[in-house]
Protein backbone atom coordinates (compact mmCIF):
# COMPACT_ATOMS: atom_id res chain seq x y z
CA MET A 1 25.08 -2.09 -1.84
CA THR A 2 23.15 -2.22 -5.06
CA ALA A 3 25.33 -1.10 -8.24
CA THR A 4 22.49 -0.86 -10.80
CA PHE A 5 19.16 0.91 -10.70
CA MET A 6 16.31 0.82 -13.24
CA ASP A 7 15.10 4.58 -14.01
CA VAL A 8 11.52 5.20 -13.64
CA ASP A 9 10.69 8.88 -14.45
CA VAL A 10 7.09 9.58 -13.29
CA ARG A 11 7.40 13.60 -13.81
CA PRO A 12 5.36 13.67 -17.01
CA ILE A 13 2.51 11.67 -15.56
CA LEU A 14 2.44 13.71 -12.75
CA ARG A 15 2.57 16.96 -14.56
CA GLU A 16 -0.51 15.73 -16.44
CA GLY A 17 -2.40 15.09 -13.28
CA GLY A 18 -1.90 11.37 -13.69
CA GLU A 19 -1.42 8.58 -11.18
CA PRO A 20 2.00 7.00 -11.38
CA PHE A 21 1.65 4.39 -8.75
CA GLY A 22 0.70 1.52 -11.13
CA GLU A 23 3.88 2.44 -13.39
CA ILE A 24 6.24 2.45 -10.15
CA MET A 25 4.99 -0.81 -8.99
CA ALA A 26 5.23 -2.72 -12.36
CA ALA A 27 8.98 -1.35 -12.50
CA MET A 28 9.53 -2.58 -9.19
CA ASN A 29 8.12 -6.16 -10.07
CA ALA A 30 10.35 -6.19 -13.27
CA LEU A 31 13.62 -5.63 -11.12
CA ALA A 32 16.50 -8.25 -11.15
CA PRO A 33 17.44 -9.67 -7.96
CA GLY A 34 19.88 -7.09 -6.17
CA GLN A 35 18.72 -4.30 -8.47
CA GLY A 36 17.23 -0.85 -7.22
CA LEU A 37 14.92 1.78 -8.79
CA ARG A 38 15.60 5.24 -9.33
CA LEU A 39 12.64 7.32 -9.40
CA LEU A 40 12.55 10.92 -10.68
CA ALA A 41 9.19 12.55 -9.53
CA THR A 42 7.91 16.20 -9.10
CA PHE A 43 7.31 15.98 -5.26
CA GLU A 44 9.10 13.98 -2.35
CA PRO A 45 7.03 10.76 -2.63
CA VAL A 46 6.84 10.15 1.32
CA PRO A 47 4.09 7.75 1.09
CA LEU A 48 5.88 5.45 -1.20
CA PHE A 49 8.61 4.99 1.15
CA HIS A 50 6.66 3.04 3.58
CA VAL A 51 5.09 1.09 0.73
CA LEU A 52 8.41 0.19 -0.89
CA GLY A 53 9.96 -0.18 2.73
CA SER A 54 7.51 -2.97 3.43
CA LYS A 55 8.68 -4.77 0.47
CA GLY A 56 12.07 -4.60 1.79
CA PHE A 57 13.84 -1.45 0.19
CA THR A 58 15.60 1.21 1.70
CA HIS A 59 15.43 5.02 0.26
CA GLU A 60 17.69 7.84 -0.24
CA ALA A 61 16.01 11.06 -1.38
CA ARG A 62 17.44 14.28 -2.84
CA GLN A 63 15.94 17.18 -4.33
CA ILE A 64 17.48 17.85 -7.80
CA GLY A 65 16.27 21.25 -8.67
CA ASP A 66 12.93 22.98 -9.94
CA GLY A 67 11.08 21.06 -7.40
CA ASP A 68 12.04 17.75 -8.84
CA TRP A 69 13.21 14.70 -6.61
CA GLU A 70 15.72 11.82 -7.22
CA VAL A 71 14.83 8.88 -5.05
CA LEU A 72 16.95 5.91 -4.96
CA PHE A 73 15.19 2.63 -3.63
CA SER A 74 17.92 -0.08 -3.06
CA PRO A 75 17.05 -3.83 -1.65
CA ALA A 76 17.78 -4.04 2.01
CA GLY A 77 19.70 -7.09 3.30
CA THR A 78 17.23 -9.57 2.89
CA ALA A 79 13.62 -9.02 2.58
CA THR A 80 11.50 -12.25 3.77
CA GLU A 81 8.00 -10.89 3.00
CA ALA A 82 6.58 -8.89 0.10
CA THR A 83 3.82 -7.37 2.45
CA PRO A 84 3.82 -5.78 5.80
CA PRO A 85 3.20 -7.81 8.75
CA THR A 86 -0.19 -6.42 9.42
CA ALA A 87 -1.32 -8.14 6.34
CA VAL A 88 -1.34 -11.44 7.97
CA ALA A 89 -4.38 -12.87 9.97
CA PRO A 90 -4.14 -12.92 13.58
CA ALA A 91 -4.01 -16.73 15.15
CA HIS A 92 -5.64 -18.04 12.27
CA ASP A 93 -4.64 -18.73 8.34
CA ALA A 94 -5.20 -15.86 6.18
CA HIS A 95 -7.04 -17.93 3.55
CA ALA A 96 -9.63 -19.07 6.39
CA TRP A 97 -11.30 -15.71 6.39
CA PRO A 98 -14.72 -15.72 6.43
CA GLN A 99 -16.74 -14.38 3.43
CA PRO A 100 -17.15 -10.53 3.60
CA ALA A 101 -19.98 -9.52 5.70
CA ARG A 102 -19.81 -6.03 4.14
CA GLU A 103 -18.85 -4.82 0.83
CA MET A 104 -17.94 -0.99 -0.42
CA ASP A 105 -17.09 0.28 -3.83
CA ASN A 106 -15.08 3.54 -3.31
CA ARG A 107 -13.36 3.70 -6.56
CA ASP A 108 -15.37 7.00 -7.40
CA LEU A 109 -14.37 8.92 -4.23
CA ASP A 110 -11.63 11.30 -3.76
CA PRO A 111 -8.99 11.08 -0.95
CA PRO A 112 -9.72 11.01 1.90
CA GLU A 113 -13.24 9.80 1.56
CA PRO A 114 -12.55 6.00 1.15
CA MET A 115 -10.32 5.92 4.33
CA VAL A 116 -12.99 7.73 6.20
CA ARG A 117 -15.90 5.66 5.07
CA ILE A 118 -13.79 2.23 5.60
CA LEU A 119 -12.62 3.17 9.13
CA ALA A 120 -16.17 4.06 9.75
CA ALA A 121 -17.55 0.99 8.45
CA THR A 122 -14.99 -1.05 10.76
CA GLU A 123 -16.45 0.78 13.82
CA GLU A 124 -19.98 -0.71 12.94
CA MET A 125 -18.88 -4.15 12.34
CA GLN A 126 -18.18 -7.32 14.88
CA SER A 127 -15.24 -8.95 15.81
CA GLY A 128 -14.38 -11.66 13.27
CA GLU A 129 -16.39 -10.10 10.32
CA VAL A 130 -14.48 -9.00 7.19
CA LEU A 131 -14.81 -6.04 5.06
CA CYS A 132 -14.40 -6.03 1.39
CA ALA A 133 -13.49 -2.64 -0.14
CA LEU A 134 -12.61 -1.66 -3.94
CA LEU A 135 -10.37 1.50 -4.16
CA CYS A 136 -8.74 3.24 -7.38
CA ARG A 137 -5.25 3.13 -5.39
CA GLU A 138 -3.32 1.37 -2.84
CA PRO A 139 -4.51 2.89 0.46
CA MET A 140 -1.17 3.57 1.96
CA PHE A 141 -2.56 6.07 4.73
CA LEU A 142 -5.22 3.67 5.70
CA LEU A 143 -3.04 0.60 6.52
CA PRO A 144 -1.14 1.95 9.64
CA GLU A 145 -4.77 3.07 10.68
CA LEU A 146 -6.14 -0.21 10.33
CA ALA A 147 -3.02 -1.70 12.01
CA LYS A 148 -3.24 0.66 15.10
CA ARG A 149 -6.97 -0.23 15.68
CA GLY A 150 -5.91 -3.81 15.77
CA HIS A 151 -7.48 -5.31 12.57
CA SER A 152 -5.76 -7.44 9.92
CA TRP A 153 -5.94 -6.69 6.04
CA ARG A 154 -4.82 -8.41 2.92
CA GLY A 155 -5.04 -6.65 -0.39
CA ALA A 156 -3.79 -6.01 -3.87
CA PHE A 157 -4.37 -4.81 -7.40
CA GLU A 158 -7.07 -6.88 -9.21
CA PRO A 159 -5.80 -8.26 -12.80
CA ASP A 160 -7.17 -4.98 -14.57
CA GLY A 161 -4.18 -3.10 -12.69
CA THR A 162 -6.78 -0.41 -11.82
CA THR A 163 -8.56 -1.47 -9.06
CA TYR A 164 -6.96 -2.05 -5.72
CA LYS A 165 -9.16 -4.73 -3.65
CA ILE A 166 -8.55 -4.89 0.33
CA LEU A 167 -10.33 -7.05 2.74
CA VAL A 168 -10.27 -6.36 6.12
CA HIS A 169 -10.66 -8.40 9.02
CA ILE A 170 -12.16 -6.79 12.29
CA ASP A 171 -10.36 -8.42 15.17
CA GLY A 172 -11.59 -8.26 18.59
CA ALA A 173 -9.09 -5.87 20.26
CA LYS A 174 -12.01 -3.36 20.62
CA ASP A 175 -14.33 -5.78 22.08
CA VAL A 176 -12.17 -6.61 24.87
CA GLN A 177 -13.41 -5.15 28.51
CA PRO A 178 -10.76 -4.09 30.80
């Protein structure tokens, strides 16, 4: 079990209406091997459980009073990948994806509009095509929906740290006839 934790208190950011995801991910990237993260937030960050779980971390959450939460993220046994399995292209190398057939800039939209637009666009595209979308945050709720629809994806924050770029490979599951 992890003996040491890096403390990250995002309560001031949240109380000011800010988005602490970038700060949390920067702290995660700065962790020493075997080190965990102690997060203090103004709510139970359930979507973050999936994101950090996909990076090999388990969590223990508890309410600490006044609506605040403490979450301990500990490295699980051995994490072999930093991204969830759905980020890998099916049956071909992810680096060999074709150029995007469609591009979308959803950075100025409030949730859930970016997710709604991306899912609608995937329904209009052909198997094998790639959609490129720019977002202002990591699309935590979109990723399981893409996987459920049989699409592959890969994404990350751009070097500016504020733009999340996702590529969605439209897979043929919807084109298969029974």
